[in-house]
Structures are given as C-alpha cells and as structure tokens.
Amino acid sequence: MPLPTSEDWRNCARRFGELWDYPFAIGALDGKHIPLYNPIHAGSMYYNYKGYPSIVLMAFSDADSCFILTDCGQYGRISDGGVSANTCMCKMLNNGKLNIPSDGFRVSTSDLEIPYMIIADEAFPLKAQLMKPYPGRGMDDMRRAYNYRHSRARRSVECAFGILAKKFEIFQRAMRLQPDKAVMVTNAGCVLHNFIRRRDGQLIDRSSDIVYEEIAPLGGGMIHLQRQGGGRAADRAVAIRDAIKDFVTHPDGTVF
C-alpha cells in the first residue's frame, strides 16, 4: 500500500462526497481485534477486554471500502484510542507526513476553512483532521443530523472489515499462528482484499446494505475494540465540527 499523494487524497474526498455526502473526508478510521489461539510466551498483553488473546488491525479505508493504510500487530488489551496513539499512520497524521493537502473547503454557512479530514468513532480524540461524532444524549436536531451524516460515511471502513472477514475464512475464527505470522497473514489479506475489489469492480454504492457484524461471541472472528473516551478536544477542532454541522443542516448542504 503506497503512501497516497495529495491528488490521491483529493480523489478520496471527491468519492466520499459522491457516495456518502461527506465531501470533507479523505478516509475512515477504525480498528478490529484479530483473535489468536494461545500464542506462546505471550503474557497478558495480548488478552483483550473479552478475555482471549488477539492482535489489533487499525486501518484507514476509502469511500469504496478499500484499505488505504493499515497498521497491524498492537497488543489486544489496548483500546481504540490507545492503539491510535501508537500506530505509525496515526503518528504520521499527527506530524503532517501523510501528504494530506494543506488547502481546505469554504462553505456558505461559515468563514472557517474546513480541512481535509479522517473520520472516526467516539473512541478517538477529536482533532482538526480527525473528526468524530457529537457525544452524549439529549442532542438537538442539528447535532443528530451531523452524527447521522458522519456515521453513514464511516460505514465504509466497517464494510471493509466485514467484506474482508467474509471473503477470507481465516478471519472467521481464532488464528492458530504466533503473533508475527498472524500480522503477516492479516496484512496479506488486506492487500488481497484491495486487489479483488478493484479487479472485480465491485465498489460500494449508495444502496449498499453490507454492514459489519461480530461473527462469534468468543474468539470466533474480528470484533470491535473496547471503547474509551477520546480526551479533551482542541477549540479549533470543535469549531470545525460545528461548522460542518451548520453546513449539513443548511439547504446548501442538506441531502433531502
């Protein structure tokens, strides 16, 4: 998986706008546990919150549910937020080394420039280029509308994981491999996933009903990472999310 160029990221954003009505996104971020079967000398670090050993696959996907960047091999006991702080791709995002375009978007409802961004769930920290939905209950209609648009676009990465697990049977049960070999198999699966989808031309459209589901309750397949709070957000990130919220609920940005 080569590092995307600035033009590649712009194409990703255009695709998110066409398919998911979220034109500011260049990718969706999430992570899944890859269960293992009793790795040797693994200690407790591989045991996740459900009590069995696993490694973590963290991935960016594009709007068509192909993997853009992946990072596999973190210990299973770490949460989404903890893994994201340790992966190479998230460190590169924080250090501005992913070739993400420096320009942004101007919308009719705000004077604030909205940057190209990666969308994630509530477990990740809110940043200017890493957007997550509004938290909590009792939200007003505008925030609920934003969360709907955000969550719909983030389905692309959930679909990617679900298709990967359904396509390759090894991801439907605990791998009888040591962690280093499991990482190699998982990375190979992600690359083959991209190759098959691009070769066959079976890309996501608006009517897609593919969703990710846990395959088995205990060590039977990929499962969600443990959810934890993402920490305090910077004022600029909050302002950017509010600007997008105002846009998607304005006649200029609504899809209804």
Protein backbone atom coordinates (compact mmCIF):
# COMPACT_ATOMS: atom_id res chain seq x y z
CA MET A 1 0.00 0.00 0.00
CA PRO A 2 1.91 3.06 -1.21
CA LEU A 3 1.52 6.30 0.68
CA PRO A 4 -1.16 8.33 -1.15
CA THR A 5 -0.21 11.56 -2.87
CA SER A 6 -2.06 14.83 -2.38
CA GLU A 7 -4.04 14.18 -5.56
CA ASP A 8 -4.95 10.68 -4.32
CA TRP A 9 -6.37 12.22 -1.14
CA ARG A 10 -8.38 14.72 -3.17
CA ASN A 11 -9.83 11.88 -5.22
CA CYS A 12 -10.77 10.10 -2.00
CA ALA A 13 -12.57 13.22 -0.79
CA ARG A 14 -14.48 13.54 -4.07
CA ARG A 15 -15.54 9.91 -3.76
CA PHE A 16 -16.76 10.41 -0.19
CA GLY A 17 -18.82 13.33 -1.44
CA GLU A 18 -20.33 11.30 -4.28
CA LEU A 19 -21.15 8.18 -2.29
CA TRP A 20 -21.65 9.33 1.27
CA ASP A 21 -22.36 13.09 1.06
CA TYR A 22 -19.38 13.90 3.28
CA PRO A 23 -17.02 15.71 0.88
CA PHE A 24 -14.51 16.73 3.57
CA ALA A 25 -13.41 13.15 4.38
CA ILE A 26 -10.37 11.51 2.84
CA GLY A 27 -10.73 8.26 4.78
CA ALA A 28 -12.47 6.44 7.60
CA LEU A 29 -10.52 5.06 10.58
CA ASP A 30 -11.32 2.11 12.82
CA GLY A 31 -9.75 -0.95 14.42
CA LYS A 32 -10.62 -4.59 14.97
CA HIS A 33 -9.28 -7.43 17.09
CA ILE A 34 -7.79 -10.41 15.23
CA PRO A 35 -8.20 -13.36 17.67
CA LEU A 36 -5.29 -15.73 18.25
CA TYR A 37 -5.18 -19.25 19.64
CA ASN A 38 -2.91 -19.40 22.70
CA PRO A 39 0.27 -17.68 21.45
CA ILE A 40 3.45 -18.97 23.09
CA HIS A 41 5.11 -16.82 25.77
CA ALA A 42 2.63 -14.02 25.04
CA GLY A 43 1.96 -12.97 28.63
CA SER A 44 -1.12 -10.91 29.40
CA MET A 45 -0.57 -8.08 26.91
CA TYR A 46 -2.37 -9.89 24.09
CA TYR A 47 -5.50 -10.60 26.16
CA ASN A 48 -8.28 -8.22 25.19
CA TYR A 49 -11.26 -6.98 27.18
CA LYS A 50 -13.23 -10.16 26.33
CA GLY A 51 -10.56 -12.36 27.88
CA TYR A 52 -8.81 -14.03 24.95
CA PRO A 53 -5.59 -13.18 23.05
CA SER A 54 -5.64 -11.00 19.94
CA ILE A 55 -3.72 -8.50 17.91
CA VAL A 56 -5.20 -5.25 16.61
CA LEU A 57 -5.71 -4.24 13.00
CA MET A 58 -6.06 -0.47 12.62
CA ALA A 59 -6.97 0.80 9.16
CA PHE A 60 -7.94 3.78 7.02
CA SER A 61 -10.41 2.93 4.26
CA ASP A 62 -11.58 4.94 1.28
CA ALA A 63 -15.19 5.54 0.27
CA ASP A 64 -15.28 2.28 -1.69
CA SER A 65 -14.20 0.18 1.31
CA CYS A 66 -10.68 -0.45 0.05
CA PHE A 67 -7.88 -0.12 2.59
CA ILE A 68 -5.67 2.95 2.14
CA LEU A 69 -3.26 2.37 5.06
CA THR A 70 -3.14 -0.33 7.71
CA ASP A 71 -1.19 -0.98 10.90
CA CYS A 72 -1.38 -4.46 12.44
CA GLY A 73 0.24 -6.02 15.49
CA GLN A 74 -0.61 -3.87 18.52
CA TYR A 75 -1.43 -5.76 21.72
CA GLY A 76 -5.06 -6.81 22.12
CA ARG A 77 -5.53 -5.22 25.53
CA ILE A 78 -5.17 -1.68 24.16
CA SER A 79 -8.27 0.39 23.37
CA ASP A 80 -9.05 2.21 20.09
CA GLY A 81 -7.65 5.46 21.43
CA GLY A 82 -4.55 3.80 22.84
CA VAL A 83 -3.80 1.96 19.61
CA SER A 84 -4.26 5.09 17.53
CA ALA A 85 -1.61 6.89 19.58
CA ASN A 86 0.93 4.14 18.85
CA THR A 87 0.38 3.31 15.18
CA CYS A 88 2.77 4.61 12.55
CA MET A 89 -0.01 6.00 10.37
CA CYS A 90 -1.57 7.99 13.23
CA LYS A 91 1.84 9.34 14.23
CA MET A 92 2.38 10.38 10.63
CA LEU A 93 -1.05 12.07 10.64
CA ASN A 94 -0.17 13.99 13.79
CA ASN A 95 3.20 15.02 12.34
CA GLY A 96 1.77 16.08 8.97
CA LYS A 97 3.61 13.40 6.98
CA LEU A 98 0.70 11.78 5.12
CA ASN A 99 0.76 14.19 2.15
CA ILE A 100 -2.71 15.45 3.07
CA PRO A 101 -3.44 18.63 1.08
CA SER A 102 -2.88 21.79 3.09
CA ASP A 103 -5.78 23.63 1.48
CA GLY A 104 -9.36 23.15 2.60
CA PHE A 105 -13.01 23.89 1.91
CA ARG A 106 -15.07 27.04 2.12
CA VAL A 107 -18.75 26.53 2.81
CA SER A 108 -21.52 29.09 2.54
CA THR A 109 -22.50 28.87 6.21
CA SER A 110 -19.11 29.66 7.78
CA ASP A 111 -16.00 31.77 7.31
CA LEU A 112 -13.89 28.96 8.77
CA GLU A 113 -11.75 26.90 6.40
CA ILE A 114 -12.58 23.21 6.77
CA PRO A 115 -9.54 20.95 6.23
CA TYR A 116 -9.40 17.53 4.62
CA MET A 117 -10.04 15.07 7.45
CA ILE A 118 -10.27 11.46 8.53
CA ILE A 119 -13.50 10.40 10.24
CA ALA A 120 -13.57 8.05 13.22
CA ASP A 121 -15.89 6.95 16.02
CA GLU A 122 -16.24 8.33 19.53
CA ALA A 123 -13.25 6.39 20.90
CA PHE A 124 -10.73 8.58 19.09
CA PRO A 125 -9.59 12.10 20.04
CA LEU A 126 -11.25 14.99 18.24
CA LYS A 127 -8.74 16.93 16.13
CA ALA A 128 -8.89 19.26 13.16
CA GLN A 129 -8.01 16.41 10.79
CA LEU A 130 -9.55 13.59 12.84
CA MET A 131 -13.29 14.10 13.22
CA LYS A 132 -15.66 12.16 15.46
CA PRO A 133 -19.42 12.48 16.17
CA TYR A 134 -21.01 14.54 18.91
CA PRO A 135 -21.13 12.62 22.22
CA GLY A 136 -23.90 12.06 24.72
CA ARG A 137 -27.65 12.08 24.80
CA GLY A 138 -30.16 14.88 24.59
CA MET A 139 -28.63 16.36 21.44
CA ASP A 140 -30.55 18.85 19.33
CA ASP A 141 -31.74 18.03 15.80
CA MET A 142 -28.74 19.70 14.15
CA ARG A 143 -26.23 17.58 16.06
CA ARG A 144 -28.21 14.43 15.40
CA ALA A 145 -28.25 15.29 11.69
CA TYR A 146 -24.48 15.72 11.73
CA ASN A 147 -23.97 12.42 13.57
CA TYR A 148 -26.14 10.65 11.01
CA ARG A 149 -24.09 12.03 8.11
CA HIS A 150 -20.83 11.24 9.91
CA SER A 151 -21.84 7.68 10.85
CA ARG A 152 -23.10 6.92 7.36
CA ALA A 153 -19.77 7.93 5.84
CA ARG A 154 -17.86 5.93 8.46
CA ARG A 155 -19.69 2.80 7.33
CA SER A 156 -17.09 2.49 4.58
CA VAL A 157 -14.46 1.17 6.99
CA GLU A 158 -16.98 -1.11 8.74
CA CYS A 159 -17.89 -2.51 5.33
CA ALA A 160 -14.21 -3.05 4.55
CA PHE A 161 -13.70 -5.14 7.68
CA GLY A 162 -16.92 -7.08 7.09
CA ILE A 163 -16.06 -7.89 3.47
CA LEU A 164 -12.54 -8.93 4.49
CA ALA A 165 -13.88 -11.32 7.13
CA LYS A 166 -16.46 -12.82 4.79
CA LYS A 167 -14.04 -13.19 1.90
CA PHE A 168 -11.25 -14.97 3.82
CA GLU A 169 -12.30 -17.72 6.20
CA ILE A 170 -9.18 -17.40 8.35
CA PHE A 171 -10.64 -14.19 9.82
CA GLN A 172 -13.78 -16.02 10.98
CA ARG A 173 -12.04 -17.88 13.82
CA ALA A 174 -9.01 -17.59 16.08
CA MET A 175 -5.76 -17.94 14.13
CA ARG A 176 -3.55 -20.86 15.16
CA LEU A 177 -0.48 -18.74 14.49
CA GLN A 178 2.07 -16.85 16.53
CA PRO A 179 1.58 -13.06 16.55
CA ASP A 180 4.31 -12.28 13.99
CA LYS A 181 2.85 -14.76 11.50
CA ALA A 182 -0.70 -13.53 12.21
CA VAL A 183 0.43 -9.99 11.34
CA MET A 184 1.82 -11.20 8.00
CA VAL A 185 -1.41 -13.07 7.18
CA THR A 186 -3.56 -10.08 8.12
CA ASN A 187 -1.51 -7.66 6.02
CA ALA A 188 -1.65 -10.06 3.08
CA GLY A 189 -5.42 -10.33 3.49
CA CYS A 190 -5.81 -6.54 3.35
CA VAL A 191 -3.74 -6.29 0.17
CA LEU A 192 -5.67 -9.13 -1.48
CA HIS A 193 -8.94 -7.50 -0.42
CA ASN A 194 -7.97 -4.34 -2.32
CA PHE A 195 -6.80 -6.31 -5.35
CA ILE A 196 -10.02 -8.33 -5.60
CA ARG A 197 -12.33 -5.35 -5.21
CA ARG A 198 -10.51 -3.27 -7.79
CA ARG A 199 -10.17 -6.18 -10.22
CA ASP A 200 -13.82 -7.18 -9.97
CA GLY A 201 -15.09 -3.62 -9.91
CA GLN A 202 -17.42 -4.36 -7.00
CA LEU A 203 -17.31 -0.99 -5.31
CA ILE A 204 -19.71 0.49 -2.80
CA ASP A 205 -22.78 2.43 -3.93
CA ARG A 206 -25.46 4.31 -2.04
CA SER A 207 -27.75 1.30 -1.77
CA SER A 208 -25.14 -0.96 -0.19
CA ASP A 209 -26.51 -2.96 2.71
CA ILE A 210 -23.20 -4.55 3.71
CA VAL A 211 -22.55 -4.00 7.40
CA TYR A 212 -20.02 -5.38 9.81
CA GLU A 213 -21.24 -7.86 12.40
CA GLU A 214 -19.37 -9.81 15.03
CA ILE A 215 -19.09 -13.36 13.72
CA ALA A 216 -18.96 -15.18 17.06
CA PRO A 217 -19.20 -14.13 20.71
CA LEU A 218 -15.85 -15.53 21.87
CA GLY A 219 -12.74 -15.67 19.74
CA GLY A 220 -14.60 -16.57 16.58
CA GLY A 221 -13.69 -13.64 14.37
CA MET A 222 -12.88 -9.95 14.23
CA ILE A 223 -14.53 -7.88 16.95
CA HIS A 224 -14.71 -4.21 17.85
CA LEU A 225 -12.09 -2.64 20.05
CA GLN A 226 -13.01 -1.50 23.52
CA ARG A 227 -14.49 1.97 23.53
CA GLN A 228 -13.00 4.65 25.73
CA GLY A 229 -13.19 8.41 25.86
CA GLY A 230 -11.14 10.38 23.39
CA GLY A 231 -9.99 13.13 25.76
CA ARG A 232 -10.42 16.90 25.64
CA ALA A 233 -10.68 18.38 22.15
CA ALA A 234 -8.94 21.50 20.88
CA ASP A 235 -11.09 24.58 20.32
CA ARG A 236 -10.31 24.64 16.58
CA ALA A 237 -11.46 21.03 16.15
CA VAL A 238 -14.72 21.80 17.95
CA ALA A 239 -15.26 24.87 15.75
CA ILE A 240 -14.65 22.84 12.59
CA ARG A 241 -17.17 20.19 13.63
CA ASP A 242 -19.72 22.90 14.42
CA ALA A 243 -19.12 24.46 11.00
CA ILE A 244 -19.77 21.14 9.26
CA LYS A 245 -22.88 20.64 11.41
CA ASP A 246 -24.23 24.02 10.33
CA PHE A 247 -23.48 23.22 6.69
CA VAL A 248 -25.11 19.76 6.56
CA THR A 249 -28.29 21.14 8.15
CA HIS A 250 -28.42 24.18 5.82
CA PRO A 251 -30.25 24.00 2.45
CA ASP A 252 -26.88 24.32 0.69
CA GLY A 253 -25.58 21.12 2.33
CA THR A 254 -28.63 19.01 3.02
CA VAL A 255 -29.28 15.84 1.00
CA PHE A 256 -33.05 15.86 1.44
